[in-house]
């Protein structure tokens, strides 16, 4: 069994709750190693939706429970925390609040918020700051989240539920 206090990258000392030591995390030399996001497995089908809404037009219960739990478990297993999502998430949350207060807000303006969010996630992926599975989660929900305002709000509910189940640091 490997030493939880030994950095697998440089052999130096690290805290057991982190994948690599502080110096390696700051060096940026091997961005794919940062956070140990190297696993290439995809998200299961039960975590990807073609609609976030049930027959009554409300978010499906899976968004709050089973699927959110599964996504959070996978992302945490890859070393991701809610803090890595939070900054980009605020773009979506602020747009959701605007939808509630500005009834005549156009779908194009709402969709633009999702596109900006997706761009930020791709940027974080290229920097090695998030796992490819989270970028896949965002990409595979692009069409449904930008279909209409209700679906956009459904995606925000889903992502909120995922984040609620993840560790904070």
N, C-alpha and C. Protein backbone atom coordinates (compact mmCIF):
# COMPACT_ATOMS: atom_id res chain seq x y z
N UNK A 1 0.84 -1.18 0.00
CA UNK A 1 0.00 0.00 0.00
C UNK A 1 0.88 1.24 0.00
N UNK A 2 0.51 2.25 -0.75
CA UNK A 2 1.34 3.44 -0.86
C UNK A 2 1.21 4.33 0.37
N UNK A 3 2.23 5.07 0.63
CA UNK A 3 2.28 6.00 1.76
C UNK A 3 1.38 7.19 1.48
N UNK A 4 0.34 7.45 2.30
CA UNK A 4 -0.57 8.56 2.03
C UNK A 4 0.09 9.94 2.22
N UNK A 5 1.28 9.96 2.82
CA UNK A 5 1.99 11.21 3.03
C UNK A 5 3.07 11.47 1.97
N UNK A 6 3.19 10.56 1.01
CA UNK A 6 4.21 10.70 -0.02
C UNK A 6 3.58 11.17 -1.32
N UNK A 7 4.13 12.22 -1.92
CA UNK A 7 3.64 12.74 -3.19
C UNK A 7 4.07 11.78 -4.31
N UNK A 8 3.11 11.26 -5.08
CA UNK A 8 3.47 10.32 -6.14
C UNK A 8 4.22 10.97 -7.29
N UNK A 9 4.19 12.28 -7.37
CA UNK A 9 4.86 12.96 -8.47
C UNK A 9 6.34 13.21 -8.19
N UNK A 10 6.63 13.75 -6.97
CA UNK A 10 8.02 14.10 -6.68
C UNK A 10 8.63 13.30 -5.54
N UNK A 11 7.79 12.57 -4.79
CA UNK A 11 8.28 11.80 -3.66
C UNK A 11 8.35 12.58 -2.36
N UNK A 12 8.05 13.87 -2.41
CA UNK A 12 8.07 14.70 -1.20
C UNK A 12 6.88 14.43 -0.30
N UNK A 13 6.81 15.19 0.80
CA UNK A 13 5.72 15.03 1.77
C UNK A 13 4.48 15.79 1.33
N UNK A 14 3.32 15.22 1.60
CA UNK A 14 2.04 15.85 1.29
C UNK A 14 1.04 15.51 2.37
N UNK A 15 -0.07 16.24 2.40
CA UNK A 15 -1.16 15.91 3.31
C UNK A 15 -1.94 14.76 2.70
N UNK A 16 -2.39 13.81 3.51
CA UNK A 16 -3.05 12.62 2.95
C UNK A 16 -4.35 12.92 2.21
N UNK A 17 -5.01 14.03 2.52
CA UNK A 17 -6.27 14.34 1.83
C UNK A 17 -6.06 14.92 0.43
N UNK A 18 -4.83 15.22 0.06
CA UNK A 18 -4.54 15.76 -1.26
C UNK A 18 -3.83 14.70 -2.12
N UNK A 19 -4.04 14.81 -3.44
CA UNK A 19 -3.44 13.85 -4.36
C UNK A 19 -1.92 14.05 -4.50
N UNK A 20 -1.49 15.31 -4.51
CA UNK A 20 -0.07 15.64 -4.67
C UNK A 20 0.32 16.71 -3.65
N UNK A 21 1.61 16.96 -3.51
CA UNK A 21 2.08 17.96 -2.55
C UNK A 21 1.82 19.39 -3.05
N UNK A 22 1.96 20.32 -2.14
CA UNK A 22 1.71 21.72 -2.46
C UNK A 22 2.62 22.21 -3.60
N UNK A 23 3.90 21.89 -3.53
CA UNK A 23 4.83 22.36 -4.56
C UNK A 23 4.47 21.84 -5.95
N UNK A 24 4.10 20.58 -6.04
CA UNK A 24 3.72 20.02 -7.34
C UNK A 24 2.41 20.63 -7.84
N UNK A 25 1.49 20.88 -6.93
CA UNK A 25 0.22 21.49 -7.36
C UNK A 25 0.42 22.90 -7.86
N UNK A 26 1.44 23.58 -7.35
CA UNK A 26 1.70 24.96 -7.78
C UNK A 26 2.60 25.05 -9.01
N UNK A 27 3.36 23.98 -9.28
CA UNK A 27 4.31 24.03 -10.39
C UNK A 27 3.63 24.07 -11.75
N UNK A 28 2.51 23.36 -11.87
CA UNK A 28 1.78 23.37 -13.13
C UNK A 28 2.48 22.64 -14.25
N UNK A 29 3.55 21.93 -13.95
CA UNK A 29 4.29 21.25 -15.00
C UNK A 29 3.49 20.17 -15.71
N UNK A 30 2.75 19.38 -14.95
CA UNK A 30 1.97 18.31 -15.55
C UNK A 30 0.51 18.54 -15.22
N UNK A 31 -0.16 19.34 -16.00
CA UNK A 31 -1.53 19.74 -15.72
C UNK A 31 -2.51 18.56 -15.69
N UNK A 32 -2.25 17.51 -16.44
CA UNK A 32 -3.16 16.37 -16.40
C UNK A 32 -3.09 15.66 -15.06
N UNK A 33 -1.99 15.81 -14.35
CA UNK A 33 -1.87 15.15 -13.07
C UNK A 33 -2.60 15.92 -11.99
N UNK A 34 -2.71 17.21 -12.12
CA UNK A 34 -3.31 18.05 -11.09
C UNK A 34 -4.70 17.52 -10.74
N UNK A 35 -4.90 17.19 -9.49
CA UNK A 35 -6.18 16.65 -9.06
C UNK A 35 -6.39 15.19 -9.44
N UNK A 36 -5.44 14.57 -10.11
CA UNK A 36 -5.54 13.18 -10.54
C UNK A 36 -6.80 12.94 -11.38
N UNK A 37 -6.99 13.76 -12.38
CA UNK A 37 -8.17 13.69 -13.23
C UNK A 37 -7.94 12.84 -14.47
N UNK A 38 -7.10 11.84 -14.37
CA UNK A 38 -6.69 11.10 -15.56
C UNK A 38 -7.67 10.01 -16.00
N UNK A 39 -8.61 9.62 -15.16
CA UNK A 39 -9.52 8.54 -15.52
C UNK A 39 -10.36 8.91 -16.74
N UNK A 40 -10.42 8.05 -17.72
CA UNK A 40 -11.12 8.36 -18.96
C UNK A 40 -12.55 7.86 -19.00
N UNK A 41 -13.06 7.32 -17.88
CA UNK A 41 -14.41 6.77 -17.91
C UNK A 41 -15.45 7.86 -18.11
N UNK A 42 -16.52 7.48 -18.75
CA UNK A 42 -17.59 8.39 -19.08
C UNK A 42 -18.66 8.34 -17.99
N UNK A 43 -19.54 9.33 -18.00
CA UNK A 43 -20.66 9.33 -17.06
C UNK A 43 -21.70 8.31 -17.50
N UNK A 44 -22.34 7.63 -16.56
CA UNK A 44 -23.38 6.66 -16.93
C UNK A 44 -24.60 7.37 -17.53
N UNK A 45 -25.35 6.65 -18.34
CA UNK A 45 -26.52 7.21 -19.01
C UNK A 45 -27.55 7.78 -18.04
N UNK A 46 -27.65 7.20 -16.85
CA UNK A 46 -28.65 7.70 -15.89
C UNK A 46 -28.32 9.11 -15.38
N UNK A 47 -27.13 9.59 -15.70
CA UNK A 47 -26.72 10.94 -15.27
C UNK A 47 -26.90 11.98 -16.38
N UNK A 48 -27.31 11.54 -17.56
CA UNK A 48 -27.49 12.43 -18.70
C UNK A 48 -28.98 12.44 -19.06
N UNK A 49 -29.53 13.64 -19.25
CA UNK A 49 -30.96 13.79 -19.48
C UNK A 49 -31.24 14.45 -20.83
N UNK A 50 -32.36 14.06 -21.43
CA UNK A 50 -32.83 14.77 -22.62
C UNK A 50 -33.92 15.77 -22.25
N UNK A 51 -34.38 15.71 -21.02
CA UNK A 51 -35.23 16.74 -20.42
C UNK A 51 -35.01 16.67 -18.91
N UNK A 52 -35.06 17.82 -18.28
CA UNK A 52 -34.92 17.88 -16.83
C UNK A 52 -36.28 17.91 -16.14
N UNK A 53 -37.35 17.95 -16.93
CA UNK A 53 -38.68 18.17 -16.39
C UNK A 53 -39.54 16.91 -16.43
N UNK A 54 -40.40 16.77 -15.43
CA UNK A 54 -41.35 15.66 -15.43
C UNK A 54 -42.62 16.08 -16.17
N UNK A 55 -43.64 15.23 -16.17
CA UNK A 55 -44.87 15.52 -16.89
C UNK A 55 -45.59 16.77 -16.38
N UNK A 56 -45.38 17.11 -15.12
CA UNK A 56 -46.01 18.30 -14.54
C UNK A 56 -45.23 19.58 -14.83
N UNK A 57 -44.07 19.45 -15.52
CA UNK A 57 -43.26 20.62 -15.83
C UNK A 57 -42.32 21.03 -14.72
N UNK A 58 -42.18 20.17 -13.72
CA UNK A 58 -41.27 20.42 -12.60
C UNK A 58 -40.00 19.57 -12.78
N UNK A 59 -38.92 19.97 -12.13
CA UNK A 59 -37.70 19.16 -12.24
C UNK A 59 -37.93 17.72 -11.76
N UNK A 60 -37.36 16.78 -12.51
CA UNK A 60 -37.47 15.36 -12.15
C UNK A 60 -36.80 15.11 -10.81
N UNK A 61 -37.34 14.13 -10.06
CA UNK A 61 -36.78 13.84 -8.74
C UNK A 61 -35.33 13.33 -8.84
N UNK A 62 -34.97 12.67 -9.95
CA UNK A 62 -33.60 12.17 -10.11
C UNK A 62 -32.57 13.29 -10.07
N UNK A 63 -32.99 14.49 -10.49
CA UNK A 63 -32.07 15.64 -10.46
C UNK A 63 -31.68 15.99 -9.04
N UNK A 64 -32.58 15.75 -8.12
CA UNK A 64 -32.33 16.05 -6.72
C UNK A 64 -31.69 14.89 -5.97
N UNK A 65 -31.94 13.66 -6.43
CA UNK A 65 -31.55 12.49 -5.65
C UNK A 65 -30.54 11.60 -6.36
N UNK A 66 -31.00 10.55 -7.00
CA UNK A 66 -30.13 9.48 -7.51
C UNK A 66 -29.06 9.95 -8.48
N UNK A 67 -29.46 10.65 -9.52
CA UNK A 67 -28.49 11.06 -10.53
C UNK A 67 -27.50 12.07 -9.97
N UNK A 68 -27.99 12.99 -9.15
CA UNK A 68 -27.10 13.98 -8.53
C UNK A 68 -26.08 13.29 -7.62
N UNK A 69 -26.54 12.30 -6.89
CA UNK A 69 -25.65 11.54 -6.01
C UNK A 69 -24.58 10.81 -6.82
N UNK A 70 -24.99 10.21 -7.92
CA UNK A 70 -24.04 9.46 -8.76
C UNK A 70 -22.99 10.39 -9.38
N UNK A 71 -23.43 11.53 -9.92
CA UNK A 71 -22.48 12.48 -10.52
C UNK A 71 -21.51 12.98 -9.46
N UNK A 72 -22.02 13.36 -8.30
CA UNK A 72 -21.14 13.87 -7.25
C UNK A 72 -20.15 12.80 -6.79
N UNK A 73 -20.60 11.56 -6.69
CA UNK A 73 -19.71 10.46 -6.28
C UNK A 73 -18.58 10.28 -7.29
N UNK A 74 -18.94 10.31 -8.57
CA UNK A 74 -17.94 10.15 -9.63
C UNK A 74 -16.93 11.30 -9.60
N UNK A 75 -17.44 12.52 -9.53
CA UNK A 75 -16.55 13.68 -9.56
C UNK A 75 -15.65 13.72 -8.33
N UNK A 76 -16.21 13.42 -7.16
CA UNK A 76 -15.38 13.37 -5.95
C UNK A 76 -14.33 12.27 -6.05
N UNK A 77 -14.70 11.15 -6.64
CA UNK A 77 -13.75 10.06 -6.82
C UNK A 77 -12.58 10.46 -7.71
N UNK A 78 -12.81 11.46 -8.54
CA UNK A 78 -11.75 11.97 -9.40
C UNK A 78 -10.99 13.12 -8.75
N UNK A 79 -11.35 13.45 -7.50
CA UNK A 79 -10.64 14.50 -6.77
C UNK A 79 -11.24 15.88 -6.92
N UNK A 80 -12.42 15.99 -7.48
CA UNK A 80 -13.05 17.30 -7.69
C UNK A 80 -13.87 17.70 -6.47
N UNK A 81 -13.90 19.00 -6.19
CA UNK A 81 -14.72 19.52 -5.09
C UNK A 81 -15.68 20.57 -5.63
N UNK A 82 -16.67 20.92 -4.81
CA UNK A 82 -17.65 21.91 -5.26
C UNK A 82 -17.02 23.27 -5.50
N UNK A 83 -15.94 23.57 -4.82
CA UNK A 83 -15.25 24.85 -5.02
C UNK A 83 -14.76 25.02 -6.46
N UNK A 84 -14.47 23.93 -7.12
CA UNK A 84 -14.00 23.99 -8.50
C UNK A 84 -15.14 24.31 -9.47
N UNK A 85 -16.36 24.11 -9.05
CA UNK A 85 -17.52 24.39 -9.89
C UNK A 85 -18.11 25.76 -9.53
N UNK A 86 -17.99 26.14 -8.28
CA UNK A 86 -18.73 27.26 -7.72
C UNK A 86 -18.62 28.56 -8.51
N UNK A 87 -17.44 28.99 -8.86
CA UNK A 87 -17.28 30.29 -9.53
C UNK A 87 -18.05 30.34 -10.85
N UNK A 88 -17.90 29.32 -11.66
CA UNK A 88 -18.62 29.28 -12.94
C UNK A 88 -20.12 29.09 -12.70
N UNK A 89 -20.48 28.37 -11.65
CA UNK A 89 -21.89 28.12 -11.33
C UNK A 89 -22.65 29.42 -11.07
N UNK A 90 -21.98 30.39 -10.48
CA UNK A 90 -22.66 31.65 -10.15
C UNK A 90 -23.19 32.35 -11.40
N UNK A 91 -22.57 32.14 -12.55
CA UNK A 91 -23.10 32.69 -13.80
C UNK A 91 -24.50 32.15 -14.06
N UNK A 92 -24.66 30.85 -13.85
CA UNK A 92 -25.96 30.21 -14.07
C UNK A 92 -26.97 30.63 -13.01
N UNK A 93 -26.55 30.67 -11.78
CA UNK A 93 -27.46 31.00 -10.69
C UNK A 93 -27.96 32.43 -10.81
N UNK A 94 -27.09 33.35 -11.18
CA UNK A 94 -27.53 34.74 -11.34
C UNK A 94 -28.51 34.87 -12.50
N UNK A 95 -28.32 34.08 -13.55
CA UNK A 95 -29.27 34.12 -14.67
C UNK A 95 -30.61 33.52 -14.23
N UNK A 96 -30.58 32.48 -13.44
CA UNK A 96 -31.83 31.91 -12.94
C UNK A 96 -32.61 32.95 -12.14
N UNK A 97 -31.93 33.72 -11.34
CA UNK A 97 -32.59 34.78 -10.56
C UNK A 97 -33.15 35.86 -11.48
N UNK A 98 -32.43 36.18 -12.54
CA UNK A 98 -32.95 37.16 -13.52
C UNK A 98 -34.20 36.65 -14.21
N UNK A 99 -34.24 35.36 -14.53
CA UNK A 99 -35.43 34.77 -15.17
C UNK A 99 -36.64 34.96 -14.27
N UNK A 100 -36.46 34.78 -12.97
CA UNK A 100 -37.57 34.94 -12.03
C UNK A 100 -38.05 36.39 -11.94
N UNK A 101 -37.12 37.33 -12.03
CA UNK A 101 -37.51 38.73 -11.84
C UNK A 101 -37.84 39.46 -13.15
N UNK A 102 -37.26 39.02 -14.26
CA UNK A 102 -37.50 39.68 -15.55
C UNK A 102 -38.27 38.72 -16.46
N UNK A 103 -39.56 38.80 -16.43
CA UNK A 103 -40.42 37.86 -17.17
C UNK A 103 -40.20 37.90 -18.69
N UNK A 104 -39.80 39.06 -19.22
CA UNK A 104 -39.64 39.19 -20.67
C UNK A 104 -38.21 38.96 -21.14
N UNK A 105 -37.38 38.38 -20.29
CA UNK A 105 -35.99 38.09 -20.65
C UNK A 105 -35.96 37.10 -21.81
N UNK A 106 -35.21 37.42 -22.85
CA UNK A 106 -35.20 36.57 -24.04
C UNK A 106 -34.41 35.28 -23.80
N UNK A 107 -34.79 34.24 -24.52
CA UNK A 107 -34.10 32.96 -24.44
C UNK A 107 -32.64 33.10 -24.88
N UNK A 108 -32.38 33.98 -25.83
CA UNK A 108 -31.00 34.19 -26.30
C UNK A 108 -30.10 34.69 -25.16
N UNK A 109 -30.62 35.58 -24.33
CA UNK A 109 -29.85 36.10 -23.19
C UNK A 109 -29.61 34.98 -22.18
N UNK A 110 -30.64 34.18 -21.93
CA UNK A 110 -30.51 33.05 -21.00
C UNK A 110 -29.48 32.05 -21.54
N UNK A 111 -29.60 31.70 -22.80
CA UNK A 111 -28.67 30.74 -23.39
C UNK A 111 -27.24 31.25 -23.36
N UNK A 112 -27.07 32.55 -23.54
CA UNK A 112 -25.74 33.13 -23.50
C UNK A 112 -25.04 32.83 -22.17
N UNK A 113 -25.80 32.83 -21.09
CA UNK A 113 -25.22 32.51 -19.78
C UNK A 113 -24.70 31.07 -19.77
N UNK A 114 -25.46 30.15 -20.37
CA UNK A 114 -25.01 28.75 -20.41
C UNK A 114 -23.76 28.64 -21.29
N UNK A 115 -23.74 29.34 -22.41
CA UNK A 115 -22.57 29.28 -23.29
C UNK A 115 -21.33 29.82 -22.58
N UNK A 116 -21.48 30.88 -21.82
CA UNK A 116 -20.35 31.42 -21.05
C UNK A 116 -19.88 30.42 -20.00
N UNK A 117 -20.85 29.79 -19.34
CA UNK A 117 -20.53 28.75 -18.36
C UNK A 117 -19.75 27.62 -19.03
N UNK A 118 -20.23 27.15 -20.17
CA UNK A 118 -19.57 26.06 -20.89
C UNK A 118 -18.16 26.46 -21.31
N UNK A 119 -18.00 27.70 -21.74
CA UNK A 119 -16.67 28.18 -22.12
C UNK A 119 -15.73 28.16 -20.92
N UNK A 120 -16.21 28.61 -19.77
CA UNK A 120 -15.39 28.62 -18.56
C UNK A 120 -14.97 27.20 -18.15
N UNK A 121 -15.89 26.26 -18.30
CA UNK A 121 -15.58 24.87 -17.97
C UNK A 121 -14.52 24.31 -18.92
N UNK A 122 -14.63 24.62 -20.21
CA UNK A 122 -13.62 24.17 -21.18
C UNK A 122 -12.25 24.77 -20.86
N UNK A 123 -12.26 26.03 -20.46
CA UNK A 123 -11.00 26.69 -20.07
C UNK A 123 -10.39 25.98 -18.87
N UNK A 124 -11.21 25.68 -17.86
CA UNK A 124 -10.71 24.99 -16.68
C UNK A 124 -10.21 23.58 -17.03
N UNK A 125 -10.87 22.94 -17.98
CA UNK A 125 -10.43 21.62 -18.44
C UNK A 125 -9.05 21.72 -19.07
N UNK A 126 -8.86 22.69 -19.95
CA UNK A 126 -7.56 22.86 -20.62
C UNK A 126 -6.44 23.17 -19.63
N UNK A 127 -6.78 23.81 -18.53
CA UNK A 127 -5.79 24.12 -17.49
C UNK A 127 -5.53 22.92 -16.58
N UNK A 128 -6.30 21.86 -16.75
CA UNK A 128 -6.14 20.68 -15.91
C UNK A 128 -6.75 20.84 -14.53
N UNK A 129 -7.69 21.75 -14.39
CA UNK A 129 -8.28 22.05 -13.09
C UNK A 129 -9.54 21.23 -12.79
N UNK A 130 -10.13 20.65 -13.81
CA UNK A 130 -11.34 19.84 -13.62
C UNK A 130 -11.20 18.57 -14.45
N UNK A 131 -11.93 17.53 -14.08
CA UNK A 131 -11.87 16.29 -14.86
C UNK A 131 -12.67 16.39 -16.15
N UNK A 132 -12.30 15.63 -17.12
CA UNK A 132 -13.01 15.63 -18.40
C UNK A 132 -14.46 15.20 -18.24
N UNK A 133 -14.75 14.42 -17.21
CA UNK A 133 -16.12 13.97 -16.99
C UNK A 133 -17.05 15.14 -16.68
N UNK A 134 -16.55 16.16 -15.98
CA UNK A 134 -17.41 17.31 -15.70
C UNK A 134 -17.64 18.13 -16.97
N UNK A 135 -16.60 18.28 -17.79
CA UNK A 135 -16.77 18.97 -19.06
C UNK A 135 -17.75 18.20 -19.95
N UNK A 136 -17.68 16.87 -19.91
CA UNK A 136 -18.63 16.04 -20.65
C UNK A 136 -20.05 16.28 -20.15
N UNK A 137 -20.22 16.35 -18.84
CA UNK A 137 -21.52 16.62 -18.22
C UNK A 137 -22.10 17.93 -18.76
N UNK A 138 -21.29 18.95 -18.85
CA UNK A 138 -21.75 20.26 -19.36
C UNK A 138 -22.05 20.17 -20.85
N UNK A 139 -21.16 19.57 -21.63
CA UNK A 139 -21.36 19.46 -23.09
C UNK A 139 -22.61 18.66 -23.43
N UNK A 140 -22.79 17.53 -22.78
CA UNK A 140 -23.92 16.64 -23.12
C UNK A 140 -25.27 17.20 -22.69
N UNK A 141 -25.26 18.23 -21.85
CA UNK A 141 -26.52 18.87 -21.46
C UNK A 141 -26.74 20.20 -22.17
N UNK A 142 -25.88 20.56 -23.09
CA UNK A 142 -25.98 21.84 -23.79
C UNK A 142 -27.32 22.00 -24.50
N UNK A 143 -27.71 21.02 -25.29
CA UNK A 143 -28.94 21.14 -26.08
C UNK A 143 -30.18 21.26 -25.21
N UNK A 144 -30.26 20.43 -24.19
CA UNK A 144 -31.46 20.46 -23.34
C UNK A 144 -31.48 21.71 -22.47
N UNK A 145 -30.35 22.13 -21.94
CA UNK A 145 -30.31 23.31 -21.06
C UNK A 145 -30.60 24.60 -21.81
N UNK A 146 -30.40 24.60 -23.12
CA UNK A 146 -30.65 25.81 -23.91
C UNK A 146 -31.94 25.71 -24.73
N UNK A 147 -32.75 24.70 -24.46
CA UNK A 147 -34.01 24.51 -25.19
C UNK A 147 -35.04 25.58 -24.83
N UNK A 148 -35.18 25.86 -23.54
CA UNK A 148 -36.10 26.89 -23.06
C UNK A 148 -35.72 27.26 -21.63
N UNK A 149 -36.39 28.25 -21.08
CA UNK A 149 -36.04 28.75 -19.74
C UNK A 149 -36.30 27.70 -18.66
N UNK A 150 -37.36 26.92 -18.80
CA UNK A 150 -37.66 25.90 -17.79
C UNK A 150 -36.57 24.83 -17.76
N UNK A 151 -36.08 24.43 -18.91
CA UNK A 151 -34.99 23.44 -18.97
C UNK A 151 -33.70 24.02 -18.41
N UNK A 152 -33.44 25.29 -18.70
CA UNK A 152 -32.27 25.96 -18.13
C UNK A 152 -32.34 25.90 -16.61
N UNK A 153 -33.49 26.24 -16.06
CA UNK A 153 -33.66 26.21 -14.60
C UNK A 153 -33.53 24.78 -14.09
N UNK A 154 -33.98 23.79 -14.86
CA UNK A 154 -33.81 22.40 -14.48
C UNK A 154 -32.34 22.01 -14.37
N UNK A 155 -31.52 22.49 -15.33
CA UNK A 155 -30.09 22.20 -15.27
C UNK A 155 -29.48 22.84 -14.02
N UNK A 156 -29.89 24.07 -13.72
CA UNK A 156 -29.37 24.74 -12.53
C UNK A 156 -29.74 23.95 -11.28
N UNK A 157 -30.95 23.43 -11.22
CA UNK A 157 -31.37 22.59 -10.08
C UNK A 157 -30.49 21.33 -10.00
N UNK A 158 -30.24 20.72 -11.12
CA UNK A 158 -29.42 19.51 -11.16
C UNK A 158 -28.01 19.80 -10.65
N UNK A 159 -27.40 20.84 -11.18
CA UNK A 159 -26.05 21.17 -10.77
C UNK A 159 -26.00 21.59 -9.30
N UNK A 160 -27.03 22.28 -8.83
CA UNK A 160 -27.11 22.64 -7.41
C UNK A 160 -27.13 21.38 -6.55
N UNK A 161 -27.90 20.38 -6.97
CA UNK A 161 -27.99 19.12 -6.23
C UNK A 161 -26.67 18.37 -6.24
N UNK A 162 -25.97 18.39 -7.37
CA UNK A 162 -24.66 17.76 -7.45
C UNK A 162 -23.70 18.44 -6.48
N UNK A 163 -23.67 19.77 -6.53
CA UNK A 163 -22.75 20.52 -5.67
C UNK A 163 -23.07 20.32 -4.19
N UNK A 164 -24.35 20.21 -3.85
CA UNK A 164 -24.74 20.04 -2.46
C UNK A 164 -24.20 18.75 -1.87
N UNK A 165 -23.95 17.77 -2.71
CA UNK A 165 -23.46 16.48 -2.25
C UNK A 165 -21.93 16.37 -2.24
N UNK A 166 -21.27 17.36 -2.78
CA UNK A 166 -19.81 17.31 -2.88
C UNK A 166 -19.14 17.96 -1.68
N UNK A 167 -17.93 17.52 -1.39
CA UNK A 167 -17.18 18.15 -0.33
C UNK A 167 -16.84 19.58 -0.72
N UNK A 168 -16.65 20.43 0.27
CA UNK A 168 -16.43 21.85 -0.01
C UNK A 168 -15.00 22.17 -0.39
N UNK A 169 -14.04 21.37 0.00
CA UNK A 169 -12.66 21.64 -0.36
C UNK A 169 -11.99 20.40 -0.86
